[in-house]
Amino acid sequence: MIPCEKDSTTPPMFSIVIPVYDDWISLDQCLQSLGKQSNSPSFEVIVVDDGSTESAPESIRNPAHRYQLTAIQQSHAGIPAARNHGIRASKGEVVLFVDADCRLRSNCLAILAETIVRSPQHDYFQLRLLGNRSSLVGRAEELRLMALQEHMLQPDGRIRYLNTAGFAIRRSRATLETDLFDPTALRAEDTLLLVNLIQRGELPLFVPEAVVEHTIQLSFLACLRKDAQSAYLERKAYEIIAAKGVRIRATQRERMRLLLAMWKTAGERSIGRSAWITLVFRQTLQRMISWVYECLGVGLKPQVTRQV
């Protein structure tokens, strides 16, 4: 563990946990967005290196940020284990999870802090996620995120959706004695966490003004390879969810309704129908691969499969 400058005896409001596996370039841009936060409360940043094959750059080993940055290294055990490691090292009143390929809008932390203070009855908070429109893959991601968040929003302001690219939890509920994230679920661990909250009758409060931009820097072909890998890795999480008896995946009717809504959104919000086609192609391919794995009875290997 390498604690960096700006340490303080007073606990910060936020502990921002960012797991990393070789995506140092994306992380640098994420850290820059944190450095540009305006009117934000105190926060610390905890970067957990999940056994990267590439050494951390100088900007991580010797940072020059105006906030406290702590870098932690662990043997390659998967992103869920890295997040649990970050929780145990955190000191803030609220633990905020973001991914290395995310950018926080300049007022994101300030708005989130205001919402948390005036919502003492809530312990979980889902930030609004958007895609980056600079590429076709990014526009497809924005279309997916917009449709999901609108579809899953509940009348009381909570949301039946959880994405650790922008998710916060009060430290009092991020139990340190047990793991918040199941380390055996190498993908879809946030969906598994959502199921646990549903079983307890809790859902995250949606904070639409606190915006996190998810920037996909992969090519279309690289995204397809990642989709195929995800379909394999997420099986463990969905096996656990099935054992809990909670339905989390959309039915065919719900899926068609969501696709139609996305088609309409793509035309109305200048995202483009090509983004819709790209999104449908990726999701169809991933579902087909998942179906093949189920038919073949492919089991998960006991060792960790590396993921970027």
Protein backbone atom coordinates (compact mmCIF):
# COMPACT_ATOMS: atom_id res chain seq x y z
CA MET A 1 0.00 0.00 0.00
CA ILE A 2 1.43 3.38 -1.02
CA PRO A 3 -0.28 6.29 0.74
CA CYS A 4 0.26 9.58 -1.02
CA GLU A 5 0.14 13.19 -0.02
CA LYS A 6 -2.68 15.23 1.53
CA ASP A 7 -3.29 12.79 4.37
CA SER A 8 -5.54 14.03 7.17
CA THR A 9 -6.70 12.81 10.54
CA THR A 10 -10.25 13.87 9.69
CA PRO A 11 -12.07 11.17 7.69
CA PRO A 12 -13.15 12.40 4.25
CA MET A 13 -16.75 12.25 3.16
CA PHE A 14 -16.00 10.03 0.15
CA SER A 15 -13.67 7.11 -0.41
CA ILE A 16 -13.55 6.60 -4.17
CA VAL A 17 -12.51 3.04 -5.00
CA ILE A 18 -11.20 2.34 -8.52
CA PRO A 19 -10.10 -1.20 -9.48
CA VAL A 20 -7.51 -1.40 -12.25
CA TYR A 21 -6.14 -4.14 -14.46
CA ASP A 22 -3.65 -2.70 -16.96
CA ASP A 23 -5.96 0.18 -17.99
CA TRP A 24 -3.60 2.90 -16.77
CA ILE A 25 -4.28 5.35 -19.61
CA SER A 26 -8.00 5.35 -18.88
CA LEU A 27 -7.30 5.67 -15.17
CA ASP A 28 -5.20 8.78 -15.69
CA GLN A 29 -8.12 10.53 -17.39
CA CYS A 30 -10.45 9.38 -14.62
CA LEU A 31 -8.14 10.83 -11.97
CA GLN A 32 -7.94 14.09 -13.90
CA SER A 33 -11.73 14.37 -13.80
CA LEU A 34 -11.62 13.93 -10.02
CA GLY A 35 -9.07 16.72 -9.80
CA LYS A 36 -11.52 19.05 -11.59
CA GLN A 37 -14.39 18.60 -9.12
CA SER A 38 -15.91 21.92 -8.06
CA ASN A 39 -17.33 22.65 -4.60
CA SER A 40 -16.88 19.01 -3.68
CA PRO A 41 -16.53 17.72 -0.09
CA SER A 42 -13.31 16.07 1.02
CA PHE A 43 -12.50 12.76 -0.61
CA GLU A 44 -9.77 10.18 -0.95
CA VAL A 45 -9.06 7.97 -3.95
CA ILE A 46 -8.07 4.33 -3.56
CA VAL A 47 -6.68 2.64 -6.67
CA VAL A 48 -6.53 -1.15 -6.37
CA ASP A 49 -4.17 -2.79 -8.86
CA ASP A 50 -5.53 -6.29 -9.53
CA GLY A 51 -2.18 -7.85 -10.45
CA SER A 52 -1.62 -5.86 -13.65
CA THR A 53 0.97 -7.16 -16.09
CA GLU A 54 2.09 -3.58 -16.75
CA SER A 55 3.69 -1.45 -14.05
CA ALA A 56 1.81 1.57 -12.77
CA PRO A 57 2.96 4.80 -14.45
CA GLU A 58 4.85 7.51 -12.63
CA SER A 59 1.67 9.57 -12.27
CA ILE A 60 0.26 6.85 -10.02
CA ARG A 61 3.44 6.08 -8.06
CA ASN A 62 4.21 9.76 -7.47
CA PRO A 63 0.97 11.68 -8.03
CA ALA A 64 0.57 15.43 -8.06
CA HIS A 65 -3.14 15.61 -7.33
CA ARG A 66 -4.82 17.89 -4.84
CA TYR A 67 -6.50 14.94 -3.13
CA GLN A 68 -5.19 11.97 -1.20
CA LEU A 69 -4.38 9.02 -3.44
CA THR A 70 -3.59 5.54 -2.16
CA ALA A 71 -2.38 2.78 -4.48
CA ILE A 72 -2.88 -0.84 -3.40
CA GLN A 73 -1.53 -3.92 -5.11
CA GLN A 74 -2.98 -7.41 -4.91
CA SER A 75 -2.43 -10.69 -6.70
CA HIS A 76 -4.74 -11.11 -9.66
CA ALA A 77 -8.03 -12.17 -8.07
CA GLY A 78 -10.66 -10.32 -10.11
CA ILE A 79 -12.35 -6.94 -9.96
CA PRO A 80 -14.87 -7.88 -7.20
CA ALA A 81 -12.02 -8.86 -4.89
CA ALA A 82 -10.25 -5.60 -5.75
CA ARG A 83 -13.33 -3.59 -4.76
CA ASN A 84 -13.57 -5.47 -1.46
CA HIS A 85 -9.89 -4.70 -0.85
CA GLY A 86 -10.58 -1.02 -1.48
CA ILE A 87 -13.48 -1.01 0.99
CA ARG A 88 -11.27 -2.42 3.73
CA ALA A 89 -8.71 0.33 3.11
CA SER A 90 -11.27 3.15 2.97
CA LYS A 91 -11.83 5.81 5.63
CA GLY A 92 -14.68 7.88 4.17
CA GLU A 93 -18.26 8.14 5.37
CA VAL A 94 -19.43 7.03 1.93
CA VAL A 95 -17.72 4.56 -0.42
CA LEU A 96 -18.10 5.47 -4.09
CA PHE A 97 -17.22 2.95 -6.80
CA VAL A 98 -16.22 4.04 -10.29
CA ASP A 99 -14.36 2.30 -13.09
CA ALA A 100 -11.06 3.36 -14.59
CA ASP A 101 -12.71 4.20 -17.92
CA CYS A 102 -15.16 6.66 -16.33
CA ARG A 103 -15.11 10.46 -16.15
CA LEU A 104 -17.01 12.36 -13.48
CA ARG A 105 -18.71 15.63 -14.43
CA SER A 106 -17.22 18.57 -12.55
CA ASN A 107 -20.20 18.93 -10.19
CA CYS A 108 -20.74 15.19 -9.68
CA LEU A 109 -19.38 14.83 -6.13
CA ALA A 110 -20.99 18.06 -4.93
CA ILE A 111 -24.44 16.97 -6.14
CA LEU A 112 -24.01 13.47 -4.76
CA ALA A 113 -22.98 14.85 -1.36
CA GLU A 114 -26.03 17.15 -1.23
CA THR A 115 -28.34 14.23 -2.09
CA ILE A 116 -26.81 11.99 0.57
CA VAL A 117 -27.10 14.64 3.28
CA ARG A 118 -30.76 15.34 2.57
CA SER A 119 -31.63 11.64 2.19
CA PRO A 120 -30.73 10.06 5.54
CA GLN A 121 -33.30 7.30 4.95
CA HIS A 122 -31.28 5.98 1.98
CA ASP A 123 -28.03 4.04 2.16
CA TYR A 124 -27.42 3.22 -1.50
CA PHE A 125 -27.11 5.64 -4.42
CA GLN A 126 -26.90 5.04 -8.16
CA LEU A 127 -25.38 7.84 -10.22
CA ARG A 128 -26.54 8.59 -13.76
CA LEU A 129 -24.34 6.92 -16.35
CA LEU A 130 -23.87 8.21 -19.88
CA GLY A 131 -21.79 7.06 -22.83
CA ASN A 132 -19.26 9.02 -24.83
CA ARG A 133 -20.68 9.98 -28.22
CA SER A 134 -17.33 10.38 -29.94
CA SER A 135 -17.55 6.87 -31.45
CA LEU A 136 -20.23 4.49 -32.69
CA VAL A 137 -19.50 2.11 -29.80
CA GLY A 138 -19.83 5.01 -27.37
CA ARG A 139 -23.16 6.12 -28.82
CA ALA A 140 -24.45 2.55 -28.55
CA GLU A 141 -23.35 2.49 -24.92
CA GLU A 142 -25.15 5.74 -24.20
CA LEU A 143 -28.30 4.41 -25.82
CA ARG A 144 -28.14 1.28 -23.67
CA LEU A 145 -27.54 3.19 -20.45
CA MET A 146 -30.24 5.78 -21.12
CA ALA A 147 -32.86 3.15 -21.91
CA LEU A 148 -32.00 0.96 -18.94
CA GLN A 149 -32.03 3.80 -16.44
CA GLU A 150 -35.32 5.20 -17.72
CA HIS A 151 -36.92 1.74 -17.81
CA MET A 152 -35.74 0.71 -14.33
CA LEU A 153 -36.57 3.97 -12.52
CA GLN A 154 -39.27 3.50 -9.89
CA PRO A 155 -42.01 6.04 -9.02
CA ASP A 156 -40.44 6.73 -5.60
CA GLY A 157 -37.10 7.80 -7.13
CA ARG A 158 -35.30 4.54 -6.47
CA ILE A 159 -34.01 2.40 -9.32
CA ARG A 160 -33.98 -1.32 -9.99
CA TYR A 161 -30.53 -1.04 -11.47
CA LEU A 162 -27.02 -1.08 -10.05
CA ASN A 163 -23.83 -0.38 -11.94
CA THR A 164 -20.52 -0.04 -10.15
CA ALA A 165 -19.31 2.42 -12.77
CA GLY A 166 -21.09 4.92 -10.51
CA PHE A 167 -22.49 3.49 -7.28
CA ALA A 168 -22.21 4.78 -3.69
CA ILE A 169 -22.94 3.16 -0.34
CA ARG A 170 -22.80 4.52 3.19
CA ARG A 171 -19.81 3.11 4.99
CA SER A 172 -22.05 1.84 7.79
CA ARG A 173 -23.68 -0.53 5.27
CA ALA A 174 -20.48 -1.54 3.47
CA THR A 175 -19.89 -4.22 6.12
CA LEU A 176 -16.19 -4.70 6.61
CA GLU A 177 -16.48 -8.12 8.28
CA THR A 178 -17.83 -9.73 5.10
CA ASP A 179 -17.29 -9.02 1.42
CA LEU A 180 -19.76 -6.64 -0.19
CA PHE A 181 -19.03 -8.19 -3.58
CA ASP A 182 -18.92 -11.95 -4.10
CA PRO A 183 -15.33 -12.63 -5.26
CA THR A 184 -16.42 -15.81 -7.07
CA ALA A 185 -18.63 -13.78 -9.43
CA LEU A 186 -16.02 -12.38 -11.79
CA ARG A 187 -18.63 -10.56 -13.88
CA ALA A 188 -22.15 -9.26 -13.12
CA GLU A 189 -21.13 -8.91 -9.47
CA ASP A 190 -23.05 -5.64 -9.31
CA THR A 191 -26.19 -7.40 -10.54
CA LEU A 192 -25.70 -9.98 -7.79
CA LEU A 193 -25.40 -7.15 -5.25
CA LEU A 194 -28.64 -5.65 -6.59
CA VAL A 195 -30.39 -9.00 -6.06
CA ASN A 196 -29.17 -9.02 -2.46
CA LEU A 197 -30.65 -5.55 -1.97
CA ILE A 198 -33.93 -6.60 -3.57
CA GLN A 199 -34.17 -9.52 -1.16
CA ARG A 200 -33.81 -7.06 1.72
CA GLY A 201 -36.44 -4.75 0.25
CA GLU A 202 -33.92 -2.05 -0.64
CA LEU A 203 -33.05 -0.32 -3.89
CA PRO A 204 -30.52 2.44 -4.68
CA LEU A 205 -31.77 6.02 -4.82
CA PHE A 206 -31.22 7.38 -8.33
CA VAL A 207 -29.21 10.63 -8.49
CA PRO A 208 -29.79 11.86 -12.06
CA GLU A 209 -27.85 15.11 -11.69
CA ALA A 210 -24.66 13.33 -10.56
CA VAL A 211 -23.32 12.25 -13.95
CA VAL A 212 -20.56 9.76 -14.75
CA GLU A 213 -19.49 9.32 -18.35
CA HIS A 214 -18.46 5.81 -19.36
CA THR A 215 -15.84 6.11 -22.09
CA ILE A 216 -15.29 2.92 -24.11
CA GLN A 217 -11.92 3.09 -25.85
CA LEU A 218 -12.16 -0.36 -27.44
CA SER A 219 -12.79 -0.97 -31.12
CA PHE A 220 -15.97 -2.69 -32.24
CA LEU A 221 -14.17 -6.03 -32.70
CA ALA A 222 -12.52 -5.70 -29.30
CA CYS A 223 -15.96 -5.08 -27.78
CA LEU A 224 -17.25 -8.27 -29.39
CA ARG A 225 -14.36 -10.24 -27.86
CA LYS A 226 -15.12 -8.70 -24.49
CA ASP A 227 -18.82 -9.54 -24.87
CA ALA A 228 -17.94 -13.18 -25.53
CA GLN A 229 -15.71 -13.25 -22.47
CA SER A 230 -18.36 -11.57 -20.34
CA ALA A 231 -20.97 -14.13 -21.37
CA TYR A 232 -18.67 -16.81 -20.01
CA LEU A 233 -17.59 -15.06 -16.82
CA GLU A 234 -21.04 -13.87 -15.74
CA ARG A 235 -22.46 -17.40 -15.58
CA LYS A 236 -21.36 -17.85 -11.96
CA ALA A 237 -23.22 -14.72 -10.85
CA TYR A 238 -26.42 -15.79 -12.60
CA GLU A 239 -26.16 -19.29 -11.15
CA ILE A 240 -26.10 -17.74 -7.68
CA ILE A 241 -29.01 -15.44 -8.58
CA ALA A 242 -31.04 -18.38 -9.88
CA ALA A 243 -30.45 -20.22 -6.61
CA LYS A 244 -31.85 -17.21 -4.74
CA GLY A 245 -35.06 -17.40 -6.74
CA VAL A 246 -35.03 -13.74 -7.82
CA ARG A 247 -35.90 -12.88 -11.43
CA ILE A 248 -33.56 -10.20 -12.64
CA ARG A 249 -33.34 -10.74 -16.40
CA ALA A 250 -36.00 -9.24 -18.66
CA THR A 251 -38.61 -11.43 -20.27
CA GLN A 252 -38.83 -11.58 -24.05
CA ARG A 253 -41.78 -9.17 -23.99
CA GLU A 254 -39.90 -6.71 -21.77
CA ARG A 255 -36.83 -7.04 -23.95
CA MET A 256 -38.80 -6.23 -27.11
CA ARG A 257 -40.45 -3.26 -25.41
CA LEU A 258 -37.04 -1.99 -24.35
CA LEU A 259 -35.61 -2.42 -27.85
CA LEU A 260 -38.50 -0.46 -29.32
CA ALA A 261 -37.97 2.29 -26.76
CA MET A 262 -34.28 2.43 -27.66
CA TRP A 263 -35.13 2.66 -31.36
CA LYS A 264 -37.33 5.65 -30.64
CA THR A 265 -34.72 7.24 -28.36
CA ALA A 266 -31.99 6.80 -30.99
CA GLY A 267 -34.00 8.88 -33.43
CA GLU A 268 -35.25 11.53 -31.03
CA ARG A 269 -31.97 12.29 -29.23
CA SER A 270 -29.60 12.43 -32.19
CA ILE A 271 -27.78 9.25 -31.22
CA GLY A 272 -28.44 7.59 -34.57
CA ARG A 273 -30.09 4.34 -35.60
CA SER A 274 -26.66 2.88 -36.42
CA ALA A 275 -25.98 2.91 -32.68
CA TRP A 276 -29.18 0.92 -32.15
CA ILE A 277 -28.10 -1.67 -34.74
CA THR A 278 -24.68 -1.93 -33.11
CA LEU A 279 -26.20 -2.39 -29.68
CA VAL A 280 -28.70 -5.03 -30.82
CA PHE A 281 -25.98 -6.96 -32.64
CA ARG A 282 -23.74 -7.01 -29.55
CA GLN A 283 -26.52 -8.01 -27.18
CA THR A 284 -27.82 -10.72 -29.52
CA LEU A 285 -24.34 -12.17 -29.91
CA GLN A 286 -23.79 -12.19 -26.15
CA ARG A 287 -27.14 -13.89 -25.53
CA MET A 288 -26.37 -16.52 -28.16
CA ILE A 289 -23.00 -17.26 -26.59
CA SER A 290 -24.60 -17.53 -23.15
CA TRP A 291 -27.17 -19.94 -24.57
CA VAL A 292 -24.43 -22.08 -26.13
CA TYR A 293 -22.57 -22.24 -22.83
CA GLU A 294 -25.75 -23.32 -21.08
CA CYS A 295 -26.50 -26.01 -23.66
CA LEU A 296 -22.97 -27.37 -23.52
CA GLY A 297 -22.90 -27.21 -19.73
CA VAL A 298 -19.63 -25.34 -19.75
CA GLY A 299 -18.44 -24.90 -16.18
CA LEU A 300 -16.39 -22.09 -14.79
CA LYS A 301 -12.72 -22.79 -14.29
CA PRO A 302 -11.52 -22.57 -10.69
CA GLN A 303 -8.74 -20.13 -11.51
CA VAL A 304 -9.34 -16.47 -12.22
CA THR A 305 -9.79 -15.62 -15.89
CA ARG A 306 -8.05 -12.35 -16.65
CA GLN A 307 -10.24 -9.49 -17.68
CA VAL A 308 -9.57 -5.95 -18.74
